[in-house]
Amino acid sequence: MLFGDYSLAPYADAAKLAVRSVDNFDWTFIPLLAFAVITYAFLYDKKDYKAIVAGLALYGVHWLYEIGNAVICHVSGYALWTVSAESTSFILLIGVCWELSMMFSVAGIAAYKFLPKDRNMKIFGLDNRLIFAVTTALAFSLVEIFLASTPAFIWVYPWWGALPVFITTYIPFFLASNFVPDMNPRNQKLFLGIIWGADAVLLAVLAPLGII
């Protein structure tokens, strides 16, 4: 499935009713959280602060996108991407469930760890971090095509699909994880402060208003 389909709208409508409902809650919530916490704790113990920055950079951008997706749902009626109510133990926002969120909490770490140790190495004459961002984004987009072909993940709009999500969503995610860790510490803190500050303010304001 390369693009959305309006025939999936009823499934998206059901998902909207299930946002932050505990009807499907189960204990998988706890081990997934533990996995993410242990990952960051291990990196902190090893003083691998750049990997931590990579993880937080991508995860912060991810949350900004998910908030934007939820706002689009509120304004237009449907999100660009929606997780189905039956496929998850807990929907955080219309487009992200607990399982996906925990995966994205460590995705930036994995992407950063796969980068060449030599940051000056060129691939086709280009910065290797850029090439890896694009190729990793492509891999994630291919997985999302599969997910959209299952009942778990819903694309409603026929103009939204594999190519838009690759260009507008996943490439920025991995640009953040690949480039922010190599910034100087001041700029790292500035980037993370702006992203996570924006996430916190938007969640604190929009969630109680019922917008997201």
Protein backbone atom coordinates (compact mmCIF):
# COMPACT_ATOMS: atom_id res chain seq x y z
CA MET A 1 0.00 0.00 0.00
CA LEU A 2 1.78 3.13 -1.23
CA PHE A 3 -0.88 5.76 -0.51
CA GLY A 4 -3.93 6.27 1.68
CA ASP A 5 -7.51 5.37 0.93
CA TYR A 6 -10.71 7.12 2.06
CA SER A 7 -12.36 3.72 2.49
CA LEU A 8 -10.27 3.33 5.66
CA ALA A 9 -11.96 6.33 7.30
CA PRO A 10 -14.24 4.20 9.54
CA TYR A 11 -11.20 2.53 11.09
CA ALA A 12 -9.63 5.92 11.71
CA ASP A 13 -12.88 7.11 13.32
CA ALA A 14 -12.72 4.17 15.72
CA ALA A 15 -9.12 5.01 16.59
CA LYS A 16 -10.03 8.61 17.44
CA LEU A 17 -12.42 7.33 20.09
CA ALA A 18 -9.67 5.18 21.63
CA VAL A 19 -6.97 7.83 22.17
CA ARG A 20 -5.69 7.41 25.74
CA SER A 21 -8.37 4.84 26.50
CA VAL A 22 -7.21 2.07 28.85
CA ASP A 23 -9.62 -0.53 27.46
CA ASN A 24 -6.82 -2.45 25.72
CA PHE A 25 -4.14 -1.80 28.34
CA ASP A 26 -1.86 -4.72 29.19
CA TRP A 27 1.43 -5.42 30.94
CA THR A 28 3.57 -5.13 27.81
CA PHE A 29 3.61 -1.42 28.72
CA ILE A 30 6.10 -2.09 31.52
CA PRO A 31 8.83 -4.18 29.79
CA LEU A 32 8.90 -1.80 26.81
CA LEU A 33 9.41 1.14 29.16
CA ALA A 34 12.08 -0.81 31.05
CA PHE A 35 13.88 -1.59 27.78
CA ALA A 36 14.07 2.12 26.89
CA VAL A 37 15.18 3.15 30.38
CA ILE A 38 17.87 0.44 30.54
CA THR A 39 19.20 1.50 27.13
CA TYR A 40 19.70 5.10 28.27
CA ALA A 41 21.04 3.99 31.65
CA PHE A 42 23.66 1.80 29.96
CA LEU A 43 24.77 4.66 27.71
CA TYR A 44 24.93 7.03 30.69
CA ASP A 45 27.04 4.53 32.63
CA LYS A 46 29.40 4.29 29.65
CA LYS A 47 29.45 8.10 29.38
CA ASP A 48 28.29 7.76 25.77
CA TYR A 49 26.61 11.14 25.86
CA LYS A 50 26.57 11.60 22.09
CA ALA A 51 24.44 8.48 21.68
CA ILE A 52 22.07 9.80 24.34
CA VAL A 53 21.83 13.11 22.46
CA ALA A 54 21.11 11.20 19.25
CA GLY A 55 18.26 9.33 20.89
CA LEU A 56 16.75 12.41 22.49
CA ALA A 57 17.14 14.48 19.32
CA LEU A 58 15.17 12.05 17.15
CA TYR A 59 12.63 11.34 19.88
CA GLY A 60 12.01 15.04 20.43
CA VAL A 61 11.46 15.64 16.72
CA HIS A 62 9.22 12.57 16.63
CA TRP A 63 6.98 14.01 19.35
CA LEU A 64 6.77 17.35 17.56
CA TYR A 65 5.58 15.53 14.43
CA GLU A 66 3.06 13.47 16.40
CA ILE A 67 1.63 16.59 18.00
CA GLY A 68 1.37 18.20 14.55
CA ASN A 69 -0.33 15.07 13.19
CA ALA A 70 -2.86 15.17 16.02
CA VAL A 71 -3.58 18.86 15.34
CA ILE A 72 -4.14 18.03 11.66
CA CYS A 73 -6.64 15.39 12.78
CA HIS A 74 -8.48 17.92 14.94
CA VAL A 75 -8.61 20.52 12.17
CA SER A 76 -9.30 18.37 9.10
CA GLY A 77 -11.04 15.36 10.58
CA TYR A 78 -8.31 12.80 9.92
CA ALA A 79 -4.63 12.48 10.76
CA LEU A 80 -1.97 11.85 8.15
CA TRP A 81 -1.25 8.58 9.93
CA THR A 82 -3.36 6.75 12.49
CA VAL A 83 -2.77 3.72 14.70
CA SER A 84 -5.71 1.37 15.02
CA ALA A 85 -7.38 0.83 18.35
CA GLU A 86 -7.11 -2.95 18.09
CA SER A 87 -3.37 -3.08 17.43
CA THR A 88 -2.02 -1.54 20.62
CA SER A 89 -2.26 -1.56 24.38
CA PHE A 90 -2.40 2.25 24.56
CA ILE A 91 -2.74 5.11 22.05
CA LEU A 92 -0.84 8.20 23.19
CA LEU A 93 -1.84 10.49 20.31
CA ILE A 94 -3.83 9.58 17.21
CA GLY A 95 -0.74 8.56 15.23
CA VAL A 96 1.44 7.00 17.91
CA CYS A 97 0.88 4.10 20.28
CA TRP A 98 3.02 3.07 23.23
CA GLU A 99 4.84 0.39 21.25
CA LEU A 100 5.81 2.79 18.45
CA SER A 101 6.80 5.48 20.90
CA MET A 102 9.19 3.19 22.77
CA MET A 103 10.73 2.11 19.46
CA PHE A 104 11.29 5.74 18.44
CA SER A 105 12.77 6.52 21.86
CA VAL A 106 15.81 4.39 20.93
CA ALA A 107 15.74 4.62 17.11
CA GLY A 108 18.06 7.62 17.11
CA ILE A 109 20.58 5.72 19.21
CA ALA A 110 20.62 2.82 16.76
CA ALA A 111 20.95 5.16 13.77
CA TYR A 112 23.87 7.00 15.38
CA LYS A 113 25.65 3.77 16.29
CA PHE A 114 25.54 2.62 12.66
CA LEU A 115 27.34 5.75 11.43
CA PRO A 116 30.98 5.37 10.30
CA LYS A 117 33.44 6.24 13.03
CA ASP A 118 35.17 8.59 10.61
CA ARG A 119 32.75 11.51 10.41
CA ASN A 120 34.81 13.05 7.59
CA MET A 121 34.36 10.04 5.33
CA LYS A 122 32.52 10.88 2.11
CA ILE A 123 30.03 8.66 0.31
CA PHE A 124 29.50 9.65 -3.33
CA GLY A 125 31.21 12.89 -2.36
CA LEU A 126 28.61 13.66 0.32
CA ASP A 127 28.66 13.73 4.12
CA ASN A 128 28.21 10.15 5.30
CA ARG A 129 25.72 11.32 7.96
CA LEU A 130 23.46 12.67 5.22
CA ILE A 131 23.66 9.47 3.19
CA PHE A 132 22.92 7.34 6.24
CA ALA A 133 19.99 9.59 7.18
CA VAL A 134 18.46 9.11 3.73
CA THR A 135 19.06 5.36 3.58
CA THR A 136 17.76 4.78 7.12
CA ALA A 137 14.72 6.91 6.32
CA LEU A 138 14.13 4.79 3.23
CA ALA A 139 14.29 1.60 5.30
CA PHE A 140 11.77 2.96 7.80
CA SER A 141 9.50 4.09 4.97
CA LEU A 142 9.52 0.58 3.53
CA VAL A 143 8.51 -0.81 6.91
CA GLU A 144 5.72 1.78 7.08
CA ILE A 145 4.44 0.64 3.68
CA PHE A 146 4.10 -2.84 5.17
CA LEU A 147 2.41 -1.48 8.30
CA ALA A 148 -0.07 0.50 6.20
CA SER A 149 -1.03 -2.72 4.43
CA THR A 150 -2.06 -4.22 7.79
CA PRO A 151 -4.99 -3.33 10.06
CA ALA A 152 -2.54 -1.79 12.54
CA PHE A 153 -1.72 1.44 10.67
CA ILE A 154 -4.05 3.66 8.68
CA TRP A 155 -3.48 6.18 5.92
CA VAL A 156 -6.75 7.87 4.94
CA TYR A 157 -5.74 10.68 2.60
CA PRO A 158 -4.95 9.41 -0.92
CA TRP A 159 -2.21 12.02 -1.36
CA TRP A 160 -0.34 10.82 1.75
CA GLY A 161 1.79 7.72 1.65
CA ALA A 162 5.21 6.20 1.14
CA LEU A 163 6.94 9.06 -0.69
CA PRO A 164 5.62 11.95 1.46
CA VAL A 165 6.45 10.12 4.70
CA PHE A 166 9.95 9.34 3.43
CA ILE A 167 10.74 12.95 2.48
CA THR A 168 8.87 15.01 5.06
CA THR A 169 9.04 12.78 8.12
CA TYR A 170 11.76 10.15 8.26
CA ILE A 171 14.57 12.13 6.66
CA PRO A 172 14.23 14.95 9.25
CA PHE A 173 14.11 12.34 12.04
CA PHE A 174 17.44 10.85 11.07
CA LEU A 175 19.07 14.14 10.17
CA ALA A 176 18.49 15.06 13.82
CA SER A 177 19.95 11.84 15.20
CA ASN A 178 22.94 11.91 12.85
CA PHE A 179 23.96 15.57 13.02
CA VAL A 180 22.98 16.93 16.46
CA PRO A 181 25.41 14.71 18.44
CA ASP A 182 28.36 16.20 16.55
CA MET A 183 27.35 19.79 17.36
CA ASN A 184 29.22 21.58 20.09
CA PRO A 185 27.68 21.03 23.56
CA ARG A 186 26.05 24.46 23.62
CA ASN A 187 24.22 23.87 20.35
CA GLN A 188 23.23 20.36 21.43
CA LYS A 189 21.61 21.78 24.56
CA LEU A 190 19.97 24.55 22.54
CA PHE A 191 18.50 22.10 20.03
CA LEU A 192 17.22 19.71 22.68
CA GLY A 193 15.93 22.55 24.84
CA ILE A 194 13.93 24.08 21.98
CA ILE A 195 12.52 20.77 20.73
CA TRP A 196 11.61 19.31 24.10
CA GLY A 197 10.45 22.68 25.42
CA ALA A 198 8.09 23.03 22.46
CA ASP A 199 6.85 19.46 22.96
CA ALA A 200 6.16 20.04 26.65
CA VAL A 201 4.33 23.33 26.11
CA LEU A 202 2.21 21.99 23.24
CA LEU A 203 1.25 18.85 25.17
CA ALA A 204 0.45 20.82 28.30
CA VAL A 205 -1.76 23.25 26.39
CA LEU A 206 -3.37 21.18 23.65
CA ALA A 207 -4.11 17.92 25.46
CA PRO A 208 -6.30 19.44 28.22
CA LEU A 209 -8.17 21.39 25.51
CA GLY A 210 -9.01 18.13 23.75
CA ILE A 211 -7.21 19.22 20.55
CA ILE A 212 -4.74 16.34 20.62
